[in-house]
Amino acid sequence: MFTLLLHDLRYYLSNLKEAAYVYIYFLSMSALFVFGFSAEGSRDYAAAILWVTLISALLLASPLLFQRDEEEGRLDYLRLLPISLELVVVARYLACYLVFVLPILALVPPAGLLLQIPPSVWGQVVAVLALGGALVLAVIVMASAMMTGLSHHSGLIGLMVLPLLIPLVIFGVSALDAIISGAVAAEGSQLLLLSALAFFLLPLALLVSASCLRVTGDS
């Protein structure tokens, strides 16, 4: 699996210009919301703004997950390898997290300045978004695997993903709100709920993704 992970990382890094659009979108959307609120309003809605921009930025990366591999024949090659598709999906998921989510987390300080988030809580905001990004990416990977083989399916992925992310957004926004406002007790309870979602959702999403790719190859 480590070899697969290195291969996927090289693949994404060779197309880093496309990944850069995701980072630019995250920062520009954060800045765009600022113009619609006062300074106090930006801080009041900072938690929701960060979650909305994170989800929409990662949705931009959905066509880069499996569809291009299917069109260029790489998925057929991966299906023929003497390893399970579950390991292939795990390697692809880890590569996407390293290439897409981690650089977005590095943009939290400039986004925090724009949204009037106190610098003292930036580390906690990054921790919540790191966990939330892992969950959002897992759902997007699952939806992308389901849609593999269909043409022009990016819009369908968004329609499929957004209802599934409603519980995650509710708990995630509450956790960030508690951090920004200084409500430590509320923050801890929301983080526990996010961790429980991660424990349940991550294995399920990766197993479903592998099953979808397997069915697509058999059809």
N, C-alpha and C. Protein backbone atom coordinates (compact mmCIF):
# COMPACT_ATOMS: atom_id res chain seq x y z
N MET A 1 0.82 -1.21 0.00
CA MET A 1 0.00 0.00 0.00
C MET A 1 0.86 1.26 0.00
N PHE A 2 2.04 1.17 0.66
CA PHE A 2 2.93 2.33 0.69
C PHE A 2 3.38 2.71 -0.71
N THR A 3 3.63 1.70 -1.55
CA THR A 3 4.02 1.97 -2.94
C THR A 3 2.89 2.66 -3.69
N LEU A 4 1.66 2.20 -3.46
CA LEU A 4 0.50 2.84 -4.08
C LEU A 4 0.35 4.29 -3.62
N LEU A 5 0.58 4.50 -2.34
CA LEU A 5 0.47 5.86 -1.79
C LEU A 5 1.50 6.78 -2.44
N LEU A 6 2.74 6.31 -2.59
CA LEU A 6 3.78 7.11 -3.24
C LEU A 6 3.42 7.39 -4.70
N HIS A 7 2.87 6.38 -5.37
CA HIS A 7 2.47 6.55 -6.78
C HIS A 7 1.37 7.62 -6.90
N ASP A 8 0.37 7.55 -6.01
CA ASP A 8 -0.71 8.53 -6.06
C ASP A 8 -0.22 9.93 -5.72
N LEU A 9 0.70 10.02 -4.76
CA LEU A 9 1.25 11.33 -4.41
C LEU A 9 2.01 11.93 -5.59
N ARG A 10 2.80 11.10 -6.28
CA ARG A 10 3.52 11.60 -7.46
C ARG A 10 2.54 12.04 -8.54
N TYR A 11 1.44 11.30 -8.67
CA TYR A 11 0.44 11.64 -9.68
C TYR A 11 -0.19 13.00 -9.39
N TYR A 12 -0.57 13.23 -8.14
CA TYR A 12 -1.20 14.50 -7.79
C TYR A 12 -0.20 15.65 -7.80
N LEU A 13 1.01 15.39 -7.35
CA LEU A 13 2.02 16.46 -7.35
C LEU A 13 2.42 16.86 -8.76
N SER A 14 2.33 15.92 -9.70
CA SER A 14 2.62 16.27 -11.09
C SER A 14 1.51 17.13 -11.70
N ASN A 15 0.33 17.13 -11.07
CA ASN A 15 -0.79 17.97 -11.50
C ASN A 15 -1.14 18.97 -10.41
N LEU A 16 -0.11 19.53 -9.78
CA LEU A 16 -0.34 20.39 -8.63
C LEU A 16 -1.08 21.68 -9.00
N LYS A 17 -0.98 22.08 -10.27
CA LYS A 17 -1.69 23.28 -10.70
C LYS A 17 -3.19 23.12 -10.51
N GLU A 18 -3.72 21.94 -10.76
CA GLU A 18 -5.16 21.70 -10.56
C GLU A 18 -5.51 21.73 -9.08
N ALA A 19 -4.62 21.16 -8.25
CA ALA A 19 -4.87 21.18 -6.81
C ALA A 19 -4.81 22.61 -6.26
N ALA A 20 -3.98 23.45 -6.88
CA ALA A 20 -3.86 24.84 -6.42
C ALA A 20 -5.18 25.59 -6.55
N TYR A 21 -6.01 25.21 -7.52
CA TYR A 21 -7.32 25.85 -7.64
C TYR A 21 -8.16 25.64 -6.38
N VAL A 22 -8.00 24.46 -5.77
CA VAL A 22 -8.75 24.16 -4.54
C VAL A 22 -8.31 25.09 -3.42
N TYR A 23 -6.99 25.30 -3.28
CA TYR A 23 -6.49 26.17 -2.22
C TYR A 23 -6.93 27.62 -2.45
N ILE A 24 -6.81 28.06 -3.70
CA ILE A 24 -7.19 29.45 -4.02
C ILE A 24 -8.67 29.66 -3.78
N TYR A 25 -9.48 28.66 -4.13
CA TYR A 25 -10.93 28.77 -3.93
C TYR A 25 -11.25 28.92 -2.44
N PHE A 26 -10.60 28.12 -1.59
CA PHE A 26 -10.87 28.18 -0.15
C PHE A 26 -10.58 29.57 0.40
N LEU A 27 -9.44 30.13 0.03
CA LEU A 27 -9.07 31.43 0.57
C LEU A 27 -9.92 32.56 -0.02
N SER A 28 -10.20 32.47 -1.32
CA SER A 28 -10.99 33.54 -1.95
C SER A 28 -12.44 33.52 -1.47
N MET A 29 -13.00 32.33 -1.22
CA MET A 29 -14.36 32.26 -0.69
C MET A 29 -14.43 32.82 0.72
N SER A 30 -13.40 32.55 1.53
CA SER A 30 -13.36 33.12 2.88
C SER A 30 -13.33 34.64 2.81
N ALA A 31 -12.55 35.16 1.87
CA ALA A 31 -12.47 36.62 1.71
C ALA A 31 -13.78 37.18 1.18
N LEU A 32 -14.45 36.42 0.30
CA LEU A 32 -15.70 36.92 -0.28
C LEU A 32 -16.78 37.11 0.78
N PHE A 33 -16.86 36.17 1.73
CA PHE A 33 -17.87 36.29 2.78
C PHE A 33 -17.64 37.52 3.64
N VAL A 34 -16.38 37.91 3.80
CA VAL A 34 -16.06 39.06 4.65
C VAL A 34 -16.75 40.32 4.15
N PHE A 35 -16.85 40.46 2.83
CA PHE A 35 -17.46 41.67 2.27
C PHE A 35 -18.97 41.72 2.51
N GLY A 36 -19.57 40.60 2.88
CA GLY A 36 -21.01 40.58 3.14
C GLY A 36 -21.38 40.82 4.59
N PHE A 37 -20.37 40.88 5.48
CA PHE A 37 -20.65 41.06 6.90
C PHE A 37 -19.80 42.20 7.46
N SER A 38 -20.22 42.70 8.61
CA SER A 38 -19.37 43.61 9.35
C SER A 38 -18.25 42.81 10.02
N ALA A 39 -17.34 43.50 10.68
CA ALA A 39 -16.24 42.79 11.35
C ALA A 39 -16.78 41.84 12.42
N GLU A 40 -17.79 42.30 13.19
CA GLU A 40 -18.38 41.45 14.22
C GLU A 40 -19.15 40.28 13.58
N GLY A 41 -19.84 40.58 12.47
CA GLY A 41 -20.59 39.52 11.79
C GLY A 41 -19.69 38.44 11.23
N SER A 42 -18.54 38.83 10.71
CA SER A 42 -17.59 37.85 10.18
C SER A 42 -17.17 36.87 11.26
N ARG A 43 -16.92 37.40 12.46
CA ARG A 43 -16.51 36.52 13.55
C ARG A 43 -17.68 35.65 14.01
N ASP A 44 -18.89 36.21 14.06
CA ASP A 44 -20.05 35.44 14.50
C ASP A 44 -20.34 34.25 13.58
N TYR A 45 -20.12 34.45 12.29
CA TYR A 45 -20.42 33.39 11.31
C TYR A 45 -19.17 32.69 10.81
N ALA A 46 -18.02 32.90 11.49
CA ALA A 46 -16.75 32.34 11.01
C ALA A 46 -16.80 30.81 10.95
N ALA A 47 -17.42 30.17 11.94
CA ALA A 47 -17.46 28.71 11.96
C ALA A 47 -18.21 28.16 10.74
N ALA A 48 -19.38 28.73 10.46
CA ALA A 48 -20.15 28.27 9.30
C ALA A 48 -19.42 28.57 8.00
N ILE A 49 -18.77 29.74 7.92
CA ILE A 49 -18.05 30.11 6.69
C ILE A 49 -16.92 29.12 6.43
N LEU A 50 -16.16 28.78 7.47
CA LEU A 50 -15.04 27.85 7.28
C LEU A 50 -15.52 26.47 6.82
N TRP A 51 -16.63 26.00 7.39
CA TRP A 51 -17.14 24.68 6.99
C TRP A 51 -17.68 24.70 5.55
N VAL A 52 -18.40 25.74 5.21
CA VAL A 52 -18.94 25.83 3.85
C VAL A 52 -17.81 25.90 2.82
N THR A 53 -16.80 26.71 3.09
CA THR A 53 -15.69 26.84 2.14
C THR A 53 -14.87 25.55 2.07
N LEU A 54 -14.71 24.86 3.21
CA LEU A 54 -13.98 23.59 3.20
C LEU A 54 -14.70 22.56 2.34
N ILE A 55 -16.01 22.41 2.54
CA ILE A 55 -16.77 21.41 1.78
C ILE A 55 -16.78 21.74 0.29
N SER A 56 -17.07 23.00 -0.04
CA SER A 56 -17.15 23.37 -1.46
C SER A 56 -15.78 23.28 -2.13
N ALA A 57 -14.70 23.58 -1.41
CA ALA A 57 -13.36 23.45 -1.99
C ALA A 57 -13.02 22.00 -2.28
N LEU A 58 -13.35 21.11 -1.34
CA LEU A 58 -13.05 19.69 -1.57
C LEU A 58 -13.93 19.09 -2.66
N LEU A 59 -15.14 19.62 -2.83
CA LEU A 59 -15.99 19.15 -3.94
C LEU A 59 -15.36 19.46 -5.29
N LEU A 60 -14.58 20.54 -5.36
CA LEU A 60 -13.89 20.87 -6.62
C LEU A 60 -12.91 19.77 -7.01
N ALA A 61 -12.40 19.05 -6.01
CA ALA A 61 -11.41 18.00 -6.28
C ALA A 61 -12.04 16.67 -6.66
N SER A 62 -13.37 16.55 -6.59
CA SER A 62 -14.02 15.25 -6.81
C SER A 62 -13.73 14.64 -8.18
N PRO A 63 -13.67 15.43 -9.29
CA PRO A 63 -13.35 14.79 -10.58
C PRO A 63 -11.93 14.23 -10.65
N LEU A 64 -11.05 14.66 -9.73
CA LEU A 64 -9.66 14.19 -9.74
C LEU A 64 -9.47 12.90 -8.97
N LEU A 65 -10.51 12.37 -8.34
CA LEU A 65 -10.35 11.21 -7.47
C LEU A 65 -10.29 9.90 -8.25
N PHE A 66 -11.33 9.60 -9.05
CA PHE A 66 -11.36 8.34 -9.78
C PHE A 66 -11.72 8.49 -11.26
N GLN A 67 -12.47 9.53 -11.61
CA GLN A 67 -13.00 9.61 -12.96
C GLN A 67 -11.90 9.68 -14.00
N ARG A 68 -10.87 10.49 -13.75
CA ARG A 68 -9.78 10.59 -14.72
C ARG A 68 -9.06 9.26 -14.86
N ASP A 69 -8.88 8.55 -13.74
CA ASP A 69 -8.25 7.22 -13.79
C ASP A 69 -9.06 6.27 -14.66
N GLU A 70 -10.38 6.35 -14.53
CA GLU A 70 -11.25 5.49 -15.33
C GLU A 70 -11.13 5.83 -16.81
N GLU A 71 -11.10 7.11 -17.13
CA GLU A 71 -11.02 7.53 -18.53
C GLU A 71 -9.69 7.16 -19.17
N GLU A 72 -8.61 7.20 -18.39
CA GLU A 72 -7.28 6.92 -18.93
C GLU A 72 -6.86 5.47 -18.75
N GLY A 73 -7.70 4.63 -18.18
CA GLY A 73 -7.41 3.20 -18.06
C GLY A 73 -6.61 2.80 -16.84
N ARG A 74 -6.27 3.74 -15.96
CA ARG A 74 -5.48 3.38 -14.79
C ARG A 74 -6.27 2.52 -13.80
N LEU A 75 -7.57 2.76 -13.72
CA LEU A 75 -8.37 1.94 -12.80
C LEU A 75 -8.41 0.48 -13.23
N ASP A 76 -8.44 0.22 -14.54
CA ASP A 76 -8.40 -1.16 -15.02
C ASP A 76 -7.10 -1.84 -14.60
N TYR A 77 -6.02 -1.08 -14.67
CA TYR A 77 -4.72 -1.64 -14.24
C TYR A 77 -4.73 -1.94 -12.74
N LEU A 78 -5.29 -1.01 -11.94
CA LEU A 78 -5.33 -1.21 -10.50
C LEU A 78 -6.20 -2.40 -10.12
N ARG A 79 -7.27 -2.62 -10.90
CA ARG A 79 -8.14 -3.77 -10.60
C ARG A 79 -7.43 -5.09 -10.87
N LEU A 80 -6.44 -5.08 -11.74
CA LEU A 80 -5.71 -6.31 -12.09
C LEU A 80 -4.56 -6.61 -11.14
N LEU A 81 -4.21 -5.65 -10.29
CA LEU A 81 -3.11 -5.87 -9.35
C LEU A 81 -3.51 -6.92 -8.31
N PRO A 82 -2.53 -7.70 -7.82
CA PRO A 82 -2.84 -8.74 -6.82
C PRO A 82 -3.00 -8.17 -5.40
N ILE A 83 -3.73 -7.09 -5.28
CA ILE A 83 -4.05 -6.50 -3.98
C ILE A 83 -5.53 -6.14 -3.99
N SER A 84 -6.09 -6.00 -2.82
CA SER A 84 -7.52 -5.70 -2.74
C SER A 84 -7.78 -4.25 -3.12
N LEU A 85 -8.96 -4.00 -3.66
CA LEU A 85 -9.34 -2.63 -4.00
C LEU A 85 -9.49 -1.77 -2.76
N GLU A 86 -9.74 -2.40 -1.61
CA GLU A 86 -9.83 -1.63 -0.38
C GLU A 86 -8.51 -0.90 -0.10
N LEU A 87 -7.39 -1.59 -0.32
CA LEU A 87 -6.09 -0.95 -0.12
C LEU A 87 -5.84 0.15 -1.15
N VAL A 88 -6.31 -0.07 -2.36
CA VAL A 88 -6.19 0.96 -3.40
C VAL A 88 -6.94 2.22 -2.98
N VAL A 89 -8.15 2.03 -2.45
CA VAL A 89 -8.97 3.18 -2.03
C VAL A 89 -8.32 3.87 -0.84
N VAL A 90 -7.81 3.11 0.12
CA VAL A 90 -7.16 3.71 1.28
C VAL A 90 -5.95 4.55 0.86
N ALA A 91 -5.14 4.01 -0.08
CA ALA A 91 -3.98 4.76 -0.56
C ALA A 91 -4.42 6.05 -1.27
N ARG A 92 -5.46 5.95 -2.09
CA ARG A 92 -5.95 7.14 -2.79
C ARG A 92 -6.50 8.16 -1.79
N TYR A 93 -7.21 7.67 -0.79
CA TYR A 93 -7.77 8.58 0.23
C TYR A 93 -6.66 9.31 0.98
N LEU A 94 -5.64 8.58 1.40
CA LEU A 94 -4.53 9.21 2.13
C LEU A 94 -3.80 10.23 1.26
N ALA A 95 -3.60 9.88 -0.01
CA ALA A 95 -2.93 10.82 -0.92
C ALA A 95 -3.76 12.09 -1.09
N CYS A 96 -5.06 11.94 -1.24
CA CYS A 96 -5.93 13.11 -1.39
C CYS A 96 -5.94 13.96 -0.13
N TYR A 97 -5.90 13.30 1.02
CA TYR A 97 -5.87 14.07 2.28
C TYR A 97 -4.59 14.89 2.37
N LEU A 98 -3.46 14.28 2.01
CA LEU A 98 -2.18 14.98 2.08
C LEU A 98 -2.09 16.12 1.07
N VAL A 99 -2.67 15.92 -0.11
CA VAL A 99 -2.52 16.91 -1.19
C VAL A 99 -3.58 18.00 -1.10
N PHE A 100 -4.79 17.66 -0.70
CA PHE A 100 -5.88 18.64 -0.72
C PHE A 100 -6.18 19.23 0.66
N VAL A 101 -6.31 18.37 1.68
CA VAL A 101 -6.77 18.86 2.98
C VAL A 101 -5.65 19.56 3.75
N LEU A 102 -4.47 18.97 3.83
CA LEU A 102 -3.40 19.58 4.63
C LEU A 102 -3.03 20.99 4.16
N PRO A 103 -2.89 21.25 2.85
CA PRO A 103 -2.61 22.64 2.45
C PRO A 103 -3.75 23.60 2.80
N ILE A 104 -5.00 23.12 2.78
CA ILE A 104 -6.11 23.98 3.20
C ILE A 104 -5.97 24.34 4.68
N LEU A 105 -5.54 23.37 5.50
CA LEU A 105 -5.35 23.65 6.92
C LEU A 105 -4.27 24.71 7.12
N ALA A 106 -3.26 24.73 6.24
CA ALA A 106 -2.21 25.74 6.34
C ALA A 106 -2.74 27.14 6.02
N LEU A 107 -3.90 27.21 5.37
CA LEU A 107 -4.51 28.50 5.04
C LEU A 107 -5.44 29.02 6.12
N VAL A 108 -5.58 28.28 7.22
CA VAL A 108 -6.45 28.74 8.31
C VAL A 108 -5.97 30.06 8.91
N PRO A 109 -4.68 30.28 9.15
CA PRO A 109 -4.26 31.60 9.70
C PRO A 109 -4.68 32.79 8.84
N PRO A 110 -4.41 32.81 7.51
CA PRO A 110 -4.91 33.97 6.74
C PRO A 110 -6.43 34.06 6.72
N ALA A 111 -7.11 32.90 6.65
CA ALA A 111 -8.57 32.94 6.72
C ALA A 111 -9.04 33.43 8.08
N GLY A 112 -8.31 33.06 9.13
CA GLY A 112 -8.66 33.52 10.47
C GLY A 112 -8.51 35.03 10.63
N LEU A 113 -7.48 35.59 9.99
CA LEU A 113 -7.32 37.04 10.01
C LEU A 113 -8.49 37.72 9.32
N LEU A 114 -8.91 37.15 8.18
CA LEU A 114 -10.03 37.75 7.45
C LEU A 114 -11.33 37.68 8.24
N LEU A 115 -11.51 36.57 8.97
CA LEU A 115 -12.77 36.34 9.67
C LEU A 115 -12.74 36.78 11.13
N GLN A 116 -11.68 37.47 11.53
CA GLN A 116 -11.57 38.01 12.89
C GLN A 116 -11.55 36.91 13.94
N ILE A 117 -10.92 35.78 13.63
CA ILE A 117 -10.78 34.69 14.61
C ILE A 117 -9.53 34.97 15.45
N PRO A 118 -9.61 34.91 16.77
CA PRO A 118 -8.43 35.19 17.60
C PRO A 118 -7.28 34.22 17.30
N PRO A 119 -6.07 34.72 17.15
CA PRO A 119 -4.92 33.84 16.87
C PRO A 119 -4.70 32.76 17.93
N SER A 120 -5.15 33.01 19.15
CA SER A 120 -4.94 32.04 20.24
C SER A 120 -5.69 30.73 20.01
N VAL A 121 -6.71 30.73 19.16
CA VAL A 121 -7.50 29.50 18.94
C VAL A 121 -7.27 28.91 17.55
N TRP A 122 -6.33 29.45 16.79
CA TRP A 122 -6.09 28.92 15.45
C TRP A 122 -5.72 27.44 15.48
N GLY A 123 -4.91 27.04 16.46
CA GLY A 123 -4.51 25.64 16.55
C GLY A 123 -5.70 24.72 16.75
N GLN A 124 -6.64 25.13 17.61
CA GLN A 124 -7.84 24.32 17.84
C GLN A 124 -8.74 24.29 16.61
N VAL A 125 -8.82 25.41 15.91
CA VAL A 125 -9.61 25.45 14.67
C VAL A 125 -9.02 24.49 13.64
N VAL A 126 -7.69 24.49 13.52
CA VAL A 126 -7.03 23.56 12.59
C VAL A 126 -7.32 22.12 12.97
N ALA A 127 -7.30 21.80 14.27
CA ALA A 127 -7.56 20.42 14.71
C ALA A 127 -8.97 19.98 14.34
N VAL A 128 -9.95 20.85 14.54
CA VAL A 128 -11.34 20.50 14.19
C VAL A 128 -11.49 20.33 12.69
N LEU A 129 -10.90 21.25 11.91
CA LEU A 129 -11.01 21.15 10.45
C LEU A 129 -10.22 19.96 9.90
N ALA A 130 -9.14 19.56 10.59
CA ALA A 130 -8.40 18.36 10.16
C ALA A 130 -9.29 17.12 10.29
N LEU A 131 -10.01 17.02 11.41
CA LEU A 131 -10.94 15.90 11.60
C LEU A 131 -12.12 16.02 10.65
N GLY A 132 -12.67 17.23 10.54
CA GLY A 132 -13.80 17.43 9.63
C GLY A 132 -13.43 17.20 8.18
N GLY A 133 -12.23 17.66 7.79
CA GLY A 133 -11.78 17.43 6.42
C GLY A 133 -11.64 15.96 6.09
N ALA A 134 -11.18 15.17 7.08
CA ALA A 134 -11.07 13.72 6.86
C ALA A 134 -12.44 13.11 6.60
N LEU A 135 -13.45 13.55 7.35
CA LEU A 135 -14.80 13.02 7.17
C LEU A 135 -15.42 13.48 5.86
N VAL A 136 -15.27 14.76 5.55
CA VAL A 136 -15.82 15.29 4.29
C VAL A 136 -15.18 14.57 3.11
N LEU A 137 -13.87 14.40 3.15
CA LEU A 137 -13.18 13.75 2.04
C LEU A 137 -13.62 12.29 1.89
N ALA A 138 -13.87 11.61 3.01
CA ALA A 138 -14.33 10.22 2.94
C ALA A 138 -15.67 10.12 2.22
N VAL A 139 -16.58 11.03 2.53
CA VAL A 139 -17.89 11.02 1.87
C VAL A 139 -17.74 11.35 0.39
N ILE A 140 -16.88 12.30 0.05
CA ILE A 140 -16.67 12.67 -1.35
C ILE A 140 -16.03 11.53 -2.13
N VAL A 141 -15.07 10.84 -1.50
CA VAL A 141 -14.45 9.67 -2.14
C VAL A 141 -15.50 8.61 -2.42
N MET A 142 -16.38 8.36 -1.46
CA MET A 142 -17.44 7.36 -1.64
C MET A 142 -18.36 7.75 -2.79
N ALA A 143 -18.80 9.01 -2.81
CA ALA A 143 -19.69 9.46 -3.87
C ALA A 143 -19.00 9.43 -5.23
N SER A 144 -17.72 9.79 -5.27
CA SER A 144 -16.98 9.77 -6.53
C SER A 144 -16.83 8.34 -7.05
N ALA A 145 -16.60 7.39 -6.14
CA ALA A 145 -16.50 5.99 -6.56
C ALA A 145 -17.84 5.48 -7.10
N MET A 146 -18.93 5.92 -6.49
CA MET A 146 -20.26 5.52 -6.98
C MET A 146 -20.53 6.04 -8.38
N MET A 147 -20.01 7.23 -8.68
CA MET A 147 -20.28 7.88 -9.96
C MET A 147 -19.23 7.58 -11.03
N THR A 148 -18.22 6.80 -10.68
CA THR A 148 -17.17 6.49 -11.65
C THR A 148 -17.75 5.79 -12.87
N GLY A 149 -17.36 6.24 -14.03
CA GLY A 149 -17.86 5.68 -15.27
C GLY A 149 -18.96 6.50 -15.90
N LEU A 150 -19.57 7.39 -15.13
CA LEU A 150 -20.59 8.29 -15.68
C LEU A 150 -19.93 9.57 -16.17
N SER A 151 -20.41 10.08 -17.28
CA SER A 151 -19.86 11.32 -17.81
C SER A 151 -20.56 12.52 -17.17
N HIS A 152 -19.78 13.58 -16.95
CA HIS A 152 -20.30 14.85 -16.40
C HIS A 152 -21.07 14.61 -15.10
N HIS A 153 -20.38 13.96 -14.15
CA HIS A 153 -21.07 13.59 -12.92
C HIS A 153 -20.72 14.49 -11.74
N SER A 154 -19.95 15.55 -11.96
CA SER A 154 -19.52 16.39 -10.84
C SER A 154 -20.70 17.01 -10.09
N GLY A 155 -21.70 17.48 -10.83
CA GLY A 155 -22.87 18.06 -10.18
C GLY A 155 -23.64 17.03 -9.38
N LEU A 156 -23.70 15.80 -9.88
CA LEU A 156 -24.41 14.74 -9.16
C LEU A 156 -23.72 14.41 -7.84
N ILE A 157 -22.38 14.48 -7.83
CA ILE A 157 -21.64 14.22 -6.60
C ILE A 157 -22.04 15.24 -5.53
N GLY A 158 -22.15 16.51 -5.92
CA GLY A 158 -22.57 17.53 -4.97
C GLY A 158 -23.95 17.26 -4.42
N LEU A 159 -24.88 16.86 -5.30
CA LEU A 159 -26.25 16.57 -4.84
C LEU A 159 -26.28 15.37 -3.90
N MET A 160 -25.41 14.40 -4.13
CA MET A 160 -25.37 13.22 -3.28
C MET A 160 -24.70 13.51 -1.94
N VAL A 161 -23.65 14.31 -1.98
CA VAL A 161 -22.83 14.52 -0.79
C VAL A 161 -23.49 15.45 0.22
N LEU A 162 -24.09 16.54 -0.25
CA LEU A 162 -24.55 17.57 0.67
C LEU A 162 -25.56 17.07 1.71
N PRO A 163 -26.57 16.26 1.34
CA PRO A 163 -27.47 15.76 2.40
C PRO A 163 -26.75 14.87 3.42
N LEU A 164 -25.76 14.10 2.98
CA LEU A 164 -25.03 13.22 3.89
C LEU A 164 -24.18 14.00 4.88
N LEU A 165 -23.81 15.22 4.50
CA LEU A 165 -22.92 16.01 5.34
C LEU A 165 -23.66 16.88 6.36
N ILE A 166 -24.99 16.86 6.35
CA ILE A 166 -25.75 17.73 7.26
C ILE A 166 -25.41 17.46 8.73
N PRO A 167 -25.40 16.19 9.21
CA PRO A 167 -25.03 15.98 10.64
C PRO A 167 -23.61 16.45 10.93
N LEU A 168 -22.70 16.19 10.01
CA LEU A 168 -21.31 16.61 10.20
C LEU A 168 -21.19 18.12 10.29
N VAL A 169 -21.93 18.84 9.45
CA VAL A 169 -21.88 20.30 9.47
C VAL A 169 -22.47 20.83 10.78
N ILE A 170 -23.54 20.23 11.25
CA ILE A 170 -24.16 20.69 12.50
C ILE A 170 -23.17 20.57 13.66
N PHE A 171 -22.57 19.38 13.81
CA PHE A 171 -21.63 19.18 14.92
C PHE A 171 -20.35 19.97 14.71
N GLY A 172 -19.88 20.05 13.46
CA GLY A 172 -18.64 20.76 13.19
C GLY A 172 -18.76 22.25 13.42
N VAL A 173 -19.85 22.85 12.98
CA VAL A 173 -20.05 24.28 13.21
C VAL A 173 -20.20 24.56 14.70
N SER A 174 -20.89 23.69 15.42
CA SER A 174 -21.04 23.87 16.87
C SER A 174 -19.69 23.81 17.57
N ALA A 175 -18.83 22.87 17.15
CA ALA A 175 -17.51 22.74 17.76
C ALA A 175 -16.66 23.98 17.50
N LEU A 176 -16.65 24.46 16.25
CA LEU A 176 -15.87 25.66 15.95
C LEU A 176 -16.43 26.89 16.64
N ASP A 177 -17.76 26.97 16.70
CA ASP A 177 -18.38 28.10 17.41
C ASP A 177 -17.96 28.12 18.87
N ALA A 178 -17.94 26.93 19.49
CA ALA A 178 -17.55 26.85 20.90
C ALA A 178 -16.09 27.26 21.09
N ILE A 179 -15.24 26.88 20.15
CA ILE A 179 -13.82 27.25 20.24
C ILE A 179 -13.65 28.76 20.11
N ILE A 180 -14.30 29.34 19.11
CA ILE A 180 -14.13 30.77 18.86
C ILE A 180 -14.71 31.62 19.98
N SER A 181 -15.83 31.14 20.56
CA SER A 181 -16.46 31.89 21.64
C SER A 181 -15.88 31.58 23.01
N GLY A 182 -15.05 30.52 23.09
CA GLY A 182 -14.40 30.17 24.35
C GLY A 182 -15.19 29.25 25.24
N ALA A 183 -16.23 28.59 24.71
CA ALA A 183 -17.03 27.66 25.51
C ALA A 183 -16.36 26.29 25.49
N VAL A 184 -15.46 26.05 26.42
CA VAL A 184 -14.62 24.85 26.40
C VAL A 184 -15.44 23.58 26.56
N ALA A 185 -16.43 23.59 27.44
CA ALA A 185 -17.22 22.38 27.69
C ALA A 185 -17.99 21.97 26.45
N ALA A 186 -18.62 22.95 25.78
CA ALA A 186 -19.37 22.63 24.56
C ALA A 186 -18.44 22.13 23.48
N GLU A 187 -17.24 22.71 23.41
CA GLU A 187 -16.26 22.27 22.41
C GLU A 187 -15.92 20.80 22.59
N GLY A 188 -15.70 20.38 23.84
CA GLY A 188 -15.33 18.99 24.08
C GLY A 188 -16.41 18.02 23.68
N SER A 189 -17.66 18.33 23.98
CA SER A 189 -18.75 17.42 23.62
C SER A 189 -18.92 17.31 22.12
N GLN A 190 -18.78 18.43 21.40
CA GLN A 190 -18.93 18.38 19.94
C GLN A 190 -17.77 17.61 19.30
N LEU A 191 -16.57 17.76 19.85
CA LEU A 191 -15.43 17.01 19.32
C LEU A 191 -15.61 15.51 19.53
N LEU A 192 -16.21 15.12 20.65
CA LEU A 192 -16.50 13.71 20.88
C LEU A 192 -17.47 13.17 19.84
N LEU A 193 -18.48 13.98 19.50
CA LEU A 193 -19.45 13.55 18.49
C LEU A 193 -18.77 13.42 17.12
N LEU A 194 -17.90 14.38 16.78
CA LEU A 194 -17.17 14.30 15.51
C LEU A 194 -16.28 13.06 15.48
N SER A 195 -15.63 12.76 16.59
CA SER A 195 -14.76 11.58 16.66
C SER A 195 -15.58 10.30 16.49
N ALA A 196 -16.77 10.27 17.09
CA ALA A 196 -17.64 9.10 16.94
C ALA A 196 -18.08 8.94 15.49
N LEU A 197 -18.40 10.05 14.83
CA LEU A 197 -18.74 10.00 13.41
C LEU A 197 -17.58 9.46 12.58
N ALA A 198 -16.38 9.91 12.92
CA ALA A 198 -15.19 9.45 12.18
C ALA A 198 -14.99 7.95 12.37
N PHE A 199 -15.16 7.47 13.58
CA PHE A 199 -14.98 6.04 13.88
C PHE A 199 -15.95 5.19 13.07
N PHE A 200 -17.16 5.68 12.86
CA PHE A 200 -18.17 4.93 12.12
C PHE A 200 -18.07 5.15 10.61
N LEU A 201 -17.84 6.41 10.20
CA LEU A 201 -17.99 6.78 8.80
C LEU A 201 -16.77 6.43 7.95
N LEU A 202 -15.56 6.61 8.49
CA LEU A 202 -14.37 6.40 7.68
C LEU A 202 -14.26 4.96 7.15
N PRO A 203 -14.33 3.93 8.01
CA PRO A 203 -14.26 2.56 7.46
C PRO A 203 -15.41 2.25 6.50
N LEU A 204 -16.62 2.72 6.84
CA LEU A 204 -17.78 2.44 5.99
C LEU A 204 -17.60 3.06 4.61
N ALA A 205 -17.19 4.32 4.56
CA ALA A 205 -17.04 5.02 3.28
C ALA A 205 -15.98 4.36 2.41
N LEU A 206 -14.87 3.94 3.00
CA LEU A 206 -13.80 3.33 2.21
C LEU A 206 -14.20 1.94 1.71
N LEU A 207 -14.93 1.17 2.52
CA LEU A 207 -15.40 -0.14 2.08
C LEU A 207 -16.42 -0.01 0.95
N VAL A 208 -17.35 0.95 1.10
CA VAL A 208 -18.35 1.18 0.05
C VAL A 208 -17.68 1.65 -1.24
N SER A 209 -16.67 2.50 -1.13
CA SER A 209 -15.96 2.99 -2.31
C SER A 209 -15.31 1.83 -3.07
N ALA A 210 -14.63 0.94 -2.34
CA ALA A 210 -14.00 -0.21 -2.99
C ALA A 210 -15.03 -1.11 -3.67
N SER A 211 -16.17 -1.32 -3.01
CA SER A 211 -17.22 -2.15 -3.61
C SER A 211 -17.77 -1.53 -4.88
N CYS A 212 -17.93 -0.20 -4.89
CA CYS A 212 -18.44 0.49 -6.08
C CYS A 212 -17.45 0.37 -7.24
N LEU A 213 -16.16 0.53 -6.96
CA LEU A 213 -15.16 0.39 -8.01
C LEU A 213 -15.11 -1.04 -8.54
N ARG A 214 -15.34 -2.00 -7.66
CA ARG A 214 -15.34 -3.39 -8.08
C ARG A 214 -16.53 -3.68 -9.00
N VAL A 215 -17.69 -3.16 -8.63
CA VAL A 215 -18.90 -3.36 -9.46
C VAL A 215 -18.74 -2.67 -10.80
N THR A 216 -18.16 -1.46 -10.81
CA THR A 216 -17.95 -0.74 -12.05
C THR A 216 -17.03 -1.51 -12.98
N GLY A 217 -16.01 -2.16 -12.42
CA GLY A 217 -15.10 -2.94 -13.26
C GLY A 217 -15.74 -4.19 -13.82
N ASP A 218 -16.69 -4.78 -13.08
CA ASP A 218 -17.35 -5.98 -13.56
C ASP A 218 -18.41 -5.72 -14.61
N SER A 219 -18.92 -4.47 -14.65
CA SER A 219 -20.03 -4.18 -15.56
C SER A 219 -19.53 -3.90 -16.97
